[in-house]
Amino acid sequence: MFAYLYPDNHELREKAFSANLSLKLRIEKPKPKKYSMVDHHLLPRPIVSKRIKDLIELLLPNRVHWVPAEIDTDKEVYHYFIMIPPEINCLDPEKSKLHLQSEG
């Protein structure tokens, strides 16, 4: 439903991320006639409203990184946050049948 206004260029997004800029998002064509802006949208990373961001910050203070994102519609600009959760080591190599390739 959404697309980055920045080209699909990881380096450019990294620069925006490290410079504390906000990302600009737009609703892709064909635009649906009816849509609603909810508290959570899914892209490659979750996009959440300020209400959800504040709740997560209460539960996990300083554990999640947030990148501001603006979603520009024909009627209004909505302010959201791209959620970048911490990496979690969830694989137990001792208890798993793990087969690594030569590259690791």
PDB file of N, CA and C in Angstrom:
ATOM      1  N   MET A   1       0.811  -1.193   0.000  1.00  0.00           N
ATOM      2  CA  MET A   1       0.000   0.000   0.000  1.00  0.00           C
ATOM      3  C   MET A   1       0.859   1.262   0.000  1.00  0.00           C
ATOM      4  N   PHE A   2       2.039   1.209   0.620  1.00  0.00           N
ATOM      5  CA  PHE A   2       2.886   2.395   0.682  1.00  0.00           C
ATOM      6  C   PHE A   2       4.152   2.181  -0.131  1.00  0.00           C
ATOM      7  N   ALA A   3       4.752   3.254  -0.541  1.00  0.00           N
ATOM      8  CA  ALA A   3       6.033   3.193  -1.239  1.00  0.00           C
ATOM      9  C   ALA A   3       6.906   4.321  -0.715  1.00  0.00           C
ATOM     10  N   TYR A   4       8.205   4.068  -0.702  1.00  0.00           N
ATOM     11  CA  TYR A   4       9.143   5.111  -0.316  1.00  0.00           C
ATOM     12  C   TYR A   4       9.215   6.146  -1.427  1.00  0.00           C
ATOM     13  N   LEU A   5       9.244   7.407  -1.063  1.00  0.00           N
ATOM     14  CA  LEU A   5       9.491   8.434  -2.067  1.00  0.00           C
ATOM     15  C   LEU A   5      10.953   8.449  -2.461  1.00  0.00           C
ATOM     16  N   TYR A   6      11.807   7.990  -1.556  1.00  0.00           N
ATOM     17  CA  TYR A   6      13.201   7.821  -1.910  1.00  0.00           C
ATOM     18  C   TYR A   6      13.311   6.617  -2.830  1.00  0.00           C
ATOM     19  N   PRO A   7      14.256   6.613  -3.768  1.00  0.00           N
ATOM     20  CA  PRO A   7      14.442   5.427  -4.595  1.00  0.00           C
ATOM     21  C   PRO A   7      14.763   4.226  -3.712  1.00  0.00           C
ATOM     22  N   ASP A   8      14.542   3.046  -4.239  1.00  0.00           N
ATOM     23  CA  ASP A   8      14.828   1.839  -3.464  1.00  0.00           C
ATOM     24  C   ASP A   8      16.348   1.677  -3.402  1.00  0.00           C
ATOM     25  N   ASN A   9      16.963   2.500  -2.614  1.00  0.00           N
ATOM     26  CA  ASN A   9      18.409   2.556  -2.530  1.00  0.00           C
ATOM     27  C   ASN A   9      18.781   2.503  -1.055  1.00  0.00           C
ATOM     28  N   HIS A  10      19.360   1.384  -0.659  1.00  0.00           N
ATOM     29  CA  HIS A  10      19.697   1.166   0.747  1.00  0.00           C
ATOM     30  C   HIS A  10      20.629   2.263   1.271  1.00  0.00           C
ATOM     31  N   GLU A  11      21.585   2.671   0.455  1.00  0.00           N
ATOM     32  CA  GLU A  11      22.558   3.680   0.897  1.00  0.00           C
ATOM     33  C   GLU A  11      21.868   5.011   1.208  1.00  0.00           C
ATOM     34  N   LEU A  12      20.934   5.401   0.369  1.00  0.00           N
ATOM     35  CA  LEU A  12      20.216   6.656   0.591  1.00  0.00           C
ATOM     36  C   LEU A  12      19.377   6.582   1.860  1.00  0.00           C
ATOM     37  N   ARG A  13      18.715   5.453   2.079  1.00  0.00           N
ATOM     38  CA  ARG A  13      17.928   5.303   3.302  1.00  0.00           C
ATOM     39  C   ARG A  13      18.830   5.303   4.524  1.00  0.00           C
ATOM     40  N   GLU A  14      20.024   4.687   4.412  1.00  0.00           N
ATOM     41  CA  GLU A  14      20.969   4.698   5.530  1.00  0.00           C
ATOM     42  C   GLU A  14      21.389   6.124   5.865  1.00  0.00           C
ATOM     43  N   LYS A  15      21.614   6.951   4.849  1.00  0.00           N
ATOM     44  CA  LYS A  15      21.984   8.346   5.096  1.00  0.00           C
ATOM     45  C   LYS A  15      20.852   9.072   5.819  1.00  0.00           C
ATOM     46  N   ALA A  16      19.626   8.852   5.379  1.00  0.00           N
ATOM     47  CA  ALA A  16      18.482   9.483   6.042  1.00  0.00           C
ATOM     48  C   ALA A  16      18.378   8.998   7.475  1.00  0.00           C
ATOM     49  N   PHE A  17      18.613   7.719   7.678  1.00  0.00           N
ATOM     50  CA  PHE A  17      18.535   7.120   9.009  1.00  0.00           C
ATOM     51  C   PHE A  17      19.587   7.732   9.926  1.00  0.00           C
ATOM     52  N   SER A  18      20.835   7.825   9.464  1.00  0.00           N
ATOM     53  CA  SER A  18      21.915   8.316  10.314  1.00  0.00           C
ATOM     54  C   SER A  18      21.853   9.831  10.505  1.00  0.00           C
ATOM     55  N   ALA A  19      21.194  10.541   9.608  1.00  0.00           N
ATOM     56  CA  ALA A  19      21.099  11.997   9.727  1.00  0.00           C
ATOM     57  C   ALA A  19      19.848  12.434  10.477  1.00  0.00           C
ATOM     58  N   ASN A  20      19.095  11.472  11.012  1.00  0.00           N
ATOM     59  CA  ASN A  20      17.860  11.760  11.744  1.00  0.00           C
ATOM     60  C   ASN A  20      16.833  12.511  10.896  1.00  0.00           C
ATOM     61  N   LEU A  21      16.766  12.187   9.617  1.00  0.00           N
ATOM     62  CA  LEU A  21      15.744  12.760   8.750  1.00  0.00           C
ATOM     63  C   LEU A  21      14.502  11.888   8.802  1.00  0.00           C
ATOM     64  N   SER A  22      13.385  12.445   8.404  1.00  0.00           N
ATOM     65  CA  SER A  22      12.193  11.610   8.327  1.00  0.00           C
ATOM     66  C   SER A  22      12.033  11.131   6.886  1.00  0.00           C
ATOM     67  N   LEU A  23      11.496   9.934   6.757  1.00  0.00           N
ATOM     68  CA  LEU A  23      11.234   9.386   5.435  1.00  0.00           C
ATOM     69  C   LEU A  23       9.863   9.846   4.970  1.00  0.00           C
ATOM     70  N   LYS A  24       9.748  10.047   3.677  1.00  0.00           N
ATOM     71  CA  LYS A  24       8.475  10.425   3.077  1.00  0.00           C
ATOM     72  C   LYS A  24       7.892   9.184   2.418  1.00  0.00           C
ATOM     73  N   LEU A  25       6.646   8.882   2.752  1.00  0.00           N
ATOM     74  CA  LEU A  25       5.948   7.746   2.172  1.00  0.00           C
ATOM     75  C   LEU A  25       4.718   8.255   1.444  1.00  0.00           C
ATOM     76  N   ARG A  26       4.260   7.464   0.495  1.00  0.00           N
ATOM     77  CA  ARG A  26       3.035   7.833  -0.209  1.00  0.00           C
ATOM     78  C   ARG A  26       2.227   6.572  -0.457  1.00  0.00           C
ATOM     79  N   ILE A  27       0.974   6.752  -0.693  1.00  0.00           N
ATOM     80  CA  ILE A  27       0.117   5.627  -1.040  1.00  0.00           C
ATOM     81  C   ILE A  27       0.314   5.348  -2.520  1.00  0.00           C
ATOM     82  N   GLU A  28       0.599   4.092  -2.835  1.00  0.00           N
ATOM     83  CA  GLU A  28       0.882   3.716  -4.217  1.00  0.00           C
ATOM     84  C   GLU A  28      -0.376   3.728  -5.070  1.00  0.00           C
ATOM     85  N   LYS A  29      -0.155   3.870  -6.363  1.00  0.00           N
ATOM     86  CA  LYS A  29      -1.241   3.744  -7.329  1.00  0.00           C
ATOM     87  C   LYS A  29      -1.415   2.269  -7.650  1.00  0.00           C
ATOM     88  N   PRO A  30      -2.582   1.797  -7.898  1.00  0.00           N
ATOM     89  CA  PRO A  30      -3.832   2.537  -7.854  1.00  0.00           C
ATOM     90  C   PRO A  30      -4.253   2.804  -6.415  1.00  0.00           C
ATOM     91  N   LYS A  31      -4.570   4.040  -6.131  1.00  0.00           N
ATOM     92  CA  LYS A  31      -4.997   4.405  -4.779  1.00  0.00           C
ATOM     93  C   LYS A  31      -6.391   3.845  -4.522  1.00  0.00           C
ATOM     94  N   PRO A  32      -6.572   3.213  -3.380  1.00  0.00           N
ATOM     95  CA  PRO A  32      -7.921   2.744  -3.064  1.00  0.00           C
ATOM     96  C   PRO A  32      -8.856   3.935  -2.839  1.00  0.00           C
ATOM     97  N   LYS A  33     -10.117   3.772  -3.199  1.00  0.00           N
ATOM     98  CA  LYS A  33     -11.082   4.864  -3.004  1.00  0.00           C
ATOM     99  C   LYS A  33     -11.332   5.123  -1.529  1.00  0.00           C
ATOM    100  N   LYS A  34     -11.358   4.037  -0.751  1.00  0.00           N
ATOM    101  CA  LYS A  34     -11.551   4.174   0.692  1.00  0.00           C
ATOM    102  C   LYS A  34     -10.394   3.483   1.392  1.00  0.00           C
ATOM    103  N   TYR A  35      -9.787   4.180   2.297  1.00  0.00           N
ATOM    104  CA  TYR A  35      -8.742   3.588   3.122  1.00  0.00           C
ATOM    105  C   TYR A  35      -8.764   4.290   4.463  1.00  0.00           C
ATOM    106  N   SER A  36      -8.211   3.640   5.450  1.00  0.00           N
ATOM    107  CA  SER A  36      -8.146   4.280   6.763  1.00  0.00           C
ATOM    108  C   SER A  36      -6.726   4.186   7.288  1.00  0.00           C
ATOM    109  N   MET A  37      -6.327   5.224   7.971  1.00  0.00           N
ATOM    110  CA  MET A  37      -5.002   5.268   8.564  1.00  0.00           C
ATOM    111  C   MET A  37      -5.122   4.665   9.959  1.00  0.00           C
ATOM    112  N   VAL A  38      -4.523   3.508  10.129  1.00  0.00           N
ATOM    113  CA  VAL A  38      -4.627   2.775  11.388  1.00  0.00           C
ATOM    114  C   VAL A  38      -3.334   2.927  12.181  1.00  0.00           C
ATOM    115  N   ASP A  39      -3.255   2.270  13.321  1.00  0.00           N
ATOM    116  CA  ASP A  39      -2.085   2.396  14.195  1.00  0.00           C
ATOM    117  C   ASP A  39      -0.882   1.594  13.719  1.00  0.00           C
ATOM    118  N   HIS A  40      -1.083   0.663  12.782  1.00  0.00           N
ATOM    119  CA  HIS A  40       0.021  -0.199  12.371  1.00  0.00           C
ATOM    120  C   HIS A  40      -0.102  -0.523  10.890  1.00  0.00           C
ATOM    121  N   HIS A  41       0.982  -0.297  10.156  1.00  0.00           N
ATOM    122  CA  HIS A  41       1.070  -0.666   8.742  1.00  0.00           C
ATOM    123  C   HIS A  41       2.318  -1.515   8.577  1.00  0.00           C
ATOM    124  N   LEU A  42       2.299  -2.370   7.579  1.00  0.00           N
ATOM    125  CA  LEU A  42       3.438  -3.249   7.354  1.00  0.00           C
ATOM    126  C   LEU A  42       4.136  -2.909   6.048  1.00  0.00           C
ATOM    127  N   LEU A  43       5.397  -2.641   6.124  1.00  0.00           N
ATOM    128  CA  LEU A  43       6.303  -2.546   4.985  1.00  0.00           C
ATOM    129  C   LEU A  43       7.385  -3.564   5.294  1.00  0.00           C
ATOM    130  N   PRO A  44       8.551  -3.440   4.694  1.00  0.00           N
ATOM    131  CA  PRO A  44       9.614  -4.335   5.170  1.00  0.00           C
ATOM    132  C   PRO A  44       9.861  -4.184   6.668  1.00  0.00           C
ATOM    133  N   ARG A  45       9.583  -3.026   7.207  1.00  0.00           N
ATOM    134  CA  ARG A  45       9.632  -2.782   8.658  1.00  0.00           C
ATOM    135  C   ARG A  45       8.259  -2.282   9.087  1.00  0.00           C
ATOM    136  N   PRO A  46       7.856  -2.572  10.329  1.00  0.00           N
ATOM    137  CA  PRO A  46       6.558  -2.063  10.787  1.00  0.00           C
ATOM    138  C   PRO A  46       6.545  -0.539  10.885  1.00  0.00           C
ATOM    139  N   ILE A  47       5.424   0.044  10.531  1.00  0.00           N
ATOM    140  CA  ILE A  47       5.208   1.481  10.668  1.00  0.00           C
ATOM    141  C   ILE A  47       4.053   1.659  11.644  1.00  0.00           C
ATOM    142  N   VAL A  48       4.301   2.445  12.692  1.00  0.00           N
ATOM    143  CA  VAL A  48       3.299   2.572  13.750  1.00  0.00           C
ATOM    144  C   VAL A  48       2.995   4.038  14.031  1.00  0.00           C
ATOM    145  N   SER A  49       1.841   4.252  14.628  1.00  0.00           N
ATOM    146  CA  SER A  49       1.428   5.597  15.029  1.00  0.00           C
ATOM    147  C   SER A  49       2.192   6.021  16.286  1.00  0.00           C
ATOM    148  N   LYS A  50       2.080   7.296  16.616  1.00  0.00           N
ATOM    149  CA  LYS A  50       2.725   7.791  17.838  1.00  0.00           C
ATOM    150  C   LYS A  50       2.155   7.092  19.067  1.00  0.00           C
ATOM    151  N   ARG A  51       0.876   6.774  19.028  1.00  0.00           N
ATOM    152  CA  ARG A  51       0.245   6.089  20.162  1.00  0.00           C
ATOM    153  C   ARG A  51       0.900   4.726  20.414  1.00  0.00           C
ATOM    154  N   ILE A  52       1.139   3.954  19.368  1.00  0.00           N
ATOM    155  CA  ILE A  52       1.787   2.647  19.521  1.00  0.00           C
ATOM    156  C   ILE A  52       3.251   2.829  19.904  1.00  0.00           C
ATOM    157  N   LYS A  53       3.922   3.803  19.290  1.00  0.00           N
ATOM    158  CA  LYS A  53       5.328   4.072  19.627  1.00  0.00           C
ATOM    159  C   LYS A  53       5.469   4.379  21.116  1.00  0.00           C
ATOM    160  N   ASP A  54       4.607   5.241  21.635  1.00  0.00           N
ATOM    161  CA  ASP A  54       4.675   5.606  23.056  1.00  0.00           C
ATOM    162  C   ASP A  54       4.445   4.397  23.956  1.00  0.00           C
ATOM    163  N   LEU A  55       3.538   3.527  23.571  1.00  0.00           N
ATOM    164  CA  LEU A  55       3.268   2.321  24.351  1.00  0.00           C
ATOM    165  C   LEU A  55       4.477   1.385  24.356  1.00  0.00           C
ATOM    166  N   ILE A  56       5.088   1.192  23.197  1.00  0.00           N
ATOM    167  CA  ILE A  56       6.274   0.324  23.117  1.00  0.00           C
ATOM    168  C   ILE A  56       7.424   0.925  23.913  1.00  0.00           C
ATOM    169  N   GLU A  57       7.565   2.241  23.855  1.00  0.00           N
ATOM    170  CA  GLU A  57       8.614   2.904  24.636  1.00  0.00           C
ATOM    171  C   GLU A  57       8.417   2.690  26.138  1.00  0.00           C
ATOM    172  N   LEU A  58       7.168   2.645  26.588  1.00  0.00           N
ATOM    173  CA  LEU A  58       6.905   2.363  28.003  1.00  0.00           C
ATOM    174  C   LEU A  58       7.318   0.943  28.369  1.00  0.00           C
ATOM    175  N   LEU A  59       7.043   0.008  27.470  1.00  0.00           N
ATOM    176  CA  LEU A  59       7.340  -1.399  27.740  1.00  0.00           C
ATOM    177  C   LEU A  59       8.809  -1.746  27.527  1.00  0.00           C
ATOM    178  N   LEU A  60       9.428  -1.127  26.521  1.00  0.00           N
ATOM    179  CA  LEU A  60      10.828  -1.417  26.180  1.00  0.00           C
ATOM    180  C   LEU A  60      11.604  -0.114  26.032  1.00  0.00           C
ATOM    181  N   PRO A  61      11.850   0.592  27.129  1.00  0.00           N
ATOM    182  CA  PRO A  61      12.524   1.891  26.998  1.00  0.00           C
ATOM    183  C   PRO A  61      13.914   1.752  26.387  1.00  0.00           C
ATOM    184  N   ASN A  62      14.174   2.584  25.391  1.00  0.00           N
ATOM    185  CA  ASN A  62      15.482   2.663  24.721  1.00  0.00           C
ATOM    186  C   ASN A  62      15.933   1.349  24.093  1.00  0.00           C
ATOM    187  N   ARG A  63      15.010   0.478  23.733  1.00  0.00           N
ATOM    188  CA  ARG A  63      15.370  -0.792  23.101  1.00  0.00           C
ATOM    189  C   ARG A  63      15.072  -0.799  21.605  1.00  0.00           C
ATOM    190  N   VAL A  64      14.214   0.088  21.161  1.00  0.00           N
ATOM    191  CA  VAL A  64      13.785   0.119  19.767  1.00  0.00           C
ATOM    192  C   VAL A  64      14.212   1.453  19.174  1.00  0.00           C
ATOM    193  N   HIS A  65      14.715   1.420  17.945  1.00  0.00           N
ATOM    194  CA  HIS A  65      15.072   2.660  17.260  1.00  0.00           C
ATOM    195  C   HIS A  65      13.891   3.066  16.378  1.00  0.00           C
ATOM    196  N   TRP A  66      13.644   4.361  16.294  1.00  0.00           N
ATOM    197  CA  TRP A  66      12.502   4.881  15.549  1.00  0.00           C
ATOM    198  C   TRP A  66      12.962   5.852  14.474  1.00  0.00           C
ATOM    199  N   VAL A  67      12.431   5.712  13.285  1.00  0.00           N
ATOM    200  CA  VAL A  67      12.690   6.654  12.203  1.00  0.00           C
ATOM    201  C   VAL A  67      11.361   7.327  11.868  1.00  0.00           C
ATOM    202  N   PRO A  68      11.279   8.650  12.014  1.00  0.00           N
ATOM    203  CA  PRO A  68      10.034   9.339  11.678  1.00  0.00           C
ATOM    204  C   PRO A  68       9.694   9.158  10.195  1.00  0.00           C
ATOM    205  N   ALA A  69       8.419   9.020   9.922  1.00  0.00           N
ATOM    206  CA  ALA A  69       7.951   8.860   8.542  1.00  0.00           C
ATOM    207  C   ALA A  69       6.674   9.663   8.363  1.00  0.00           C
ATOM    208  N   GLU A  70       6.602  10.364   7.260  1.00  0.00           N
ATOM    209  CA  GLU A  70       5.400  11.122   6.925  1.00  0.00           C
ATOM    210  C   GLU A  70       4.691  10.411   5.786  1.00  0.00           C
ATOM    211  N   ILE A  71       3.393  10.214   5.952  1.00  0.00           N
ATOM    212  CA  ILE A  71       2.585   9.620   4.895  1.00  0.00           C
ATOM    213  C   ILE A  71       1.694  10.725   4.352  1.00  0.00           C
ATOM    214  N   ASP A  72       1.962  11.108   3.116  1.00  0.00           N
ATOM    215  CA  ASP A  72       1.244  12.212   2.493  1.00  0.00           C
ATOM    216  C   ASP A  72       0.079  11.651   1.682  1.00  0.00           C
ATOM    217  N   THR A  73      -1.120  12.041   2.060  1.00  0.00           N
ATOM    218  CA  THR A  73      -2.307  11.667   1.295  1.00  0.00           C
ATOM    219  C   THR A  73      -2.833  12.929   0.625  1.00  0.00           C
ATOM    220  N   ASP A  74      -3.860  12.789  -0.143  1.00  0.00           N
ATOM    221  CA  ASP A  74      -4.438  13.972  -0.798  1.00  0.00           C
ATOM    222  C   ASP A  74      -5.063  14.925   0.215  1.00  0.00           C
ATOM    223  N   LYS A  75      -5.483  14.378   1.354  1.00  0.00           N
ATOM    224  CA  LYS A  75      -6.209  15.184   2.335  1.00  0.00           C
ATOM    225  C   LYS A  75      -5.341  15.707   3.466  1.00  0.00           C
ATOM    226  N   GLU A  76      -4.323  14.925   3.853  1.00  0.00           N
ATOM    227  CA  GLU A  76      -3.592  15.254   5.075  1.00  0.00           C
ATOM    228  C   GLU A  76      -2.232  14.552   5.070  1.00  0.00           C
ATOM    229  N   VAL A  77      -1.313  15.074   5.882  1.00  0.00           N
ATOM    230  CA  VAL A  77      -0.031  14.408   6.109  1.00  0.00           C
ATOM    231  C   VAL A  77      -0.108  13.738   7.475  1.00  0.00           C
ATOM    232  N   TYR A  78       0.147  12.426   7.500  1.00  0.00           N
ATOM    233  CA  TYR A  78       0.100  11.661   8.743  1.00  0.00           C
ATOM    234  C   TYR A  78       1.518  11.393   9.218  1.00  0.00           C
ATOM    235  N   HIS A  79       1.721  11.465  10.512  1.00  0.00           N
ATOM    236  CA  HIS A  79       3.043  11.257  11.090  1.00  0.00           C
ATOM    237  C   HIS A  79       3.093   9.888  11.764  1.00  0.00           C
ATOM    238  N   TYR A  80       3.999   9.061  11.282  1.00  0.00           N
ATOM    239  CA  TYR A  80       4.185   7.710  11.795  1.00  0.00           C
ATOM    240  C   TYR A  80       5.649   7.509  12.146  1.00  0.00           C
ATOM    241  N   PHE A  81       5.977   6.307  12.605  1.00  0.00           N
ATOM    242  CA  PHE A  81       7.349   5.952  12.947  1.00  0.00           C
ATOM    243  C   PHE A  81       7.653   4.560  12.412  1.00  0.00           C
ATOM    244  N   ILE A  82       8.793   4.432  11.768  1.00  0.00           N
ATOM    245  CA  ILE A  82       9.256   3.118  11.330  1.00  0.00           C
ATOM    246  C   ILE A  82       9.954   2.488  12.519  1.00  0.00           C
ATOM    247  N   MET A  83       9.512   1.313  12.870  1.00  0.00           N
ATOM    248  CA  MET A  83      10.030   0.610  14.049  1.00  0.00           C
ATOM    249  C   MET A  83      11.185  -0.284  13.626  1.00  0.00           C
ATOM    250  N   ILE A  84      12.345  -0.068  14.246  1.00  0.00           N
ATOM    251  CA  ILE A  84      13.509  -0.909  13.984  1.00  0.00           C
ATOM    252  C   ILE A  84      13.850  -1.610  15.289  1.00  0.00           C
ATOM    253  N   PRO A  85      13.318  -2.832  15.449  1.00  0.00           N
ATOM    254  CA  PRO A  85      13.535  -3.549  16.711  1.00  0.00           C
ATOM    255  C   PRO A  85      14.971  -4.018  16.844  1.00  0.00           C
ATOM    256  N   PRO A  86      15.389  -4.301  18.074  1.00  0.00           N
ATOM    257  CA  PRO A  86      16.752  -4.811  18.270  1.00  0.00           C
ATOM    258  C   PRO A  86      16.863  -6.219  17.701  1.00  0.00           C
ATOM    259  N   GLU A  87      18.072  -6.583  17.335  1.00  0.00           N
ATOM    260  CA  GLU A  87      18.289  -7.960  16.897  1.00  0.00           C
ATOM    261  C   GLU A  87      18.215  -8.865  18.111  1.00  0.00           C
ATOM    262  N   ILE A  88      17.549  -9.970  17.942  1.00  0.00           N
ATOM    263  CA  ILE A  88      17.392 -10.928  19.030  1.00  0.00           C
ATOM    264  C   ILE A  88      18.021 -12.238  18.597  1.00  0.00           C
ATOM    265  N   ASN A  89      18.939 -12.722  19.396  1.00  0.00           N
ATOM    266  CA  ASN A  89      19.557 -14.001  19.109  1.00  0.00           C
ATOM    267  C   ASN A  89      18.575 -15.088  19.534  1.00  0.00           C
ATOM    268  N   CYS A  90      17.834 -15.629  18.572  1.00  0.00           N
ATOM    269  CA  CYS A  90      16.760 -16.565  18.909  1.00  0.00           C
ATOM    270  C   CYS A  90      17.081 -18.002  18.503  1.00  0.00           C
ATOM    271  N   LEU A  91      18.275 -18.255  18.027  1.00  0.00           N
ATOM    272  CA  LEU A  91      18.652 -19.603  17.620  1.00  0.00           C
ATOM    273  C   LEU A  91      19.629 -20.171  18.631  1.00  0.00           C
ATOM    274  N   ASP A  92      19.312 -21.315  19.173  1.00  0.00           N
ATOM    275  CA  ASP A  92      20.200 -21.992  20.113  1.00  0.00           C
ATOM    276  C   ASP A  92      20.980 -23.048  19.339  1.00  0.00           C
ATOM    277  N   PRO A  93      22.256 -22.759  18.998  1.00  0.00           N
ATOM    278  CA  PRO A  93      23.028 -23.707  18.191  1.00  0.00           C
ATOM    279  C   PRO A  93      23.256 -25.043  18.893  1.00  0.00           C
ATOM    280  N   GLU A  94      23.209 -25.036  20.219  1.00  0.00           N
ATOM    281  CA  GLU A  94      23.418 -26.278  20.972  1.00  0.00           C
ATOM    282  C   GLU A  94      22.224 -27.227  20.833  1.00  0.00           C
ATOM    283  N   LYS A  95      21.034 -26.682  20.783  1.00  0.00           N
ATOM    284  CA  LYS A  95      19.825 -27.508  20.760  1.00  0.00           C
ATOM    285  C   LYS A  95      19.224 -27.650  19.364  1.00  0.00           C
ATOM    286  N   SER A  96      19.841 -27.021  18.377  1.00  0.00           N
ATOM    287  CA  SER A  96      19.284 -27.032  17.028  1.00  0.00           C
ATOM    288  C   SER A  96      20.088 -27.940  16.117  1.00  0.00           C
ATOM    289  N   LYS A  97      19.395 -28.518  15.159  1.00  0.00           N
ATOM    290  CA  LYS A  97      20.084 -29.231  14.087  1.00  0.00           C
ATOM    291  C   LYS A  97      20.416 -28.174  13.050  1.00  0.00           C
ATOM    292  N   LEU A  98      21.616 -27.680  13.138  1.00  0.00           N
ATOM    293  CA  LEU A  98      22.021 -26.530  12.350  1.00  0.00           C
ATOM    294  C   LEU A  98      23.091 -26.943  11.361  1.00  0.00           C
ATOM    295  N   HIS A  99      22.885 -26.632  10.101  1.00  0.00           N
ATOM    296  CA  HIS A  99      23.855 -26.933   9.052  1.00  0.00           C
ATOM    297  C   HIS A  99      24.229 -25.619   8.374  1.00  0.00           C
ATOM    298  N   LEU A 100      25.414 -25.122   8.670  1.00  0.00           N
ATOM    299  CA  LEU A 100      25.872 -23.874   8.074  1.00  0.00           C
ATOM    300  C   LEU A 100      26.626 -24.155   6.790  1.00  0.00           C
ATOM    301  N   GLN A 101      26.455 -23.265   5.829  1.00  0.00           N
ATOM    302  CA  GLN A 101      27.222 -23.369   4.596  1.00  0.00           C
ATOM    303  C   GLN A 101      28.604 -22.794   4.847  1.00  0.00           C
ATOM    304  N   SER A 102      29.496 -22.991   3.912  1.00  0.00           N
ATOM    305  CA  SER A 102      30.884 -22.560   4.108  1.00  0.00           C
ATOM    306  C   SER A 102      30.991 -21.050   4.334  1.00  0.00           C
ATOM    307  N   GLU A 103      30.031 -20.263   3.801  1.00  0.00           N
ATOM    308  CA  GLU A 103      30.065 -18.808   4.008  1.00  0.00           C
ATOM    309  C   GLU A 103      29.625 -18.433   5.414  1.00  0.00           C
ATOM    310  N   GLY A 104      29.104 -19.374   6.177  1.00  0.00           N
ATOM    311  CA  GLY A 104      28.645 -19.082   7.537  1.00  0.00           C
ATOM    312  C   GLY A 104      27.170 -19.085   7.572  1.00  0.00           C
TER     313      GLY A 104
END
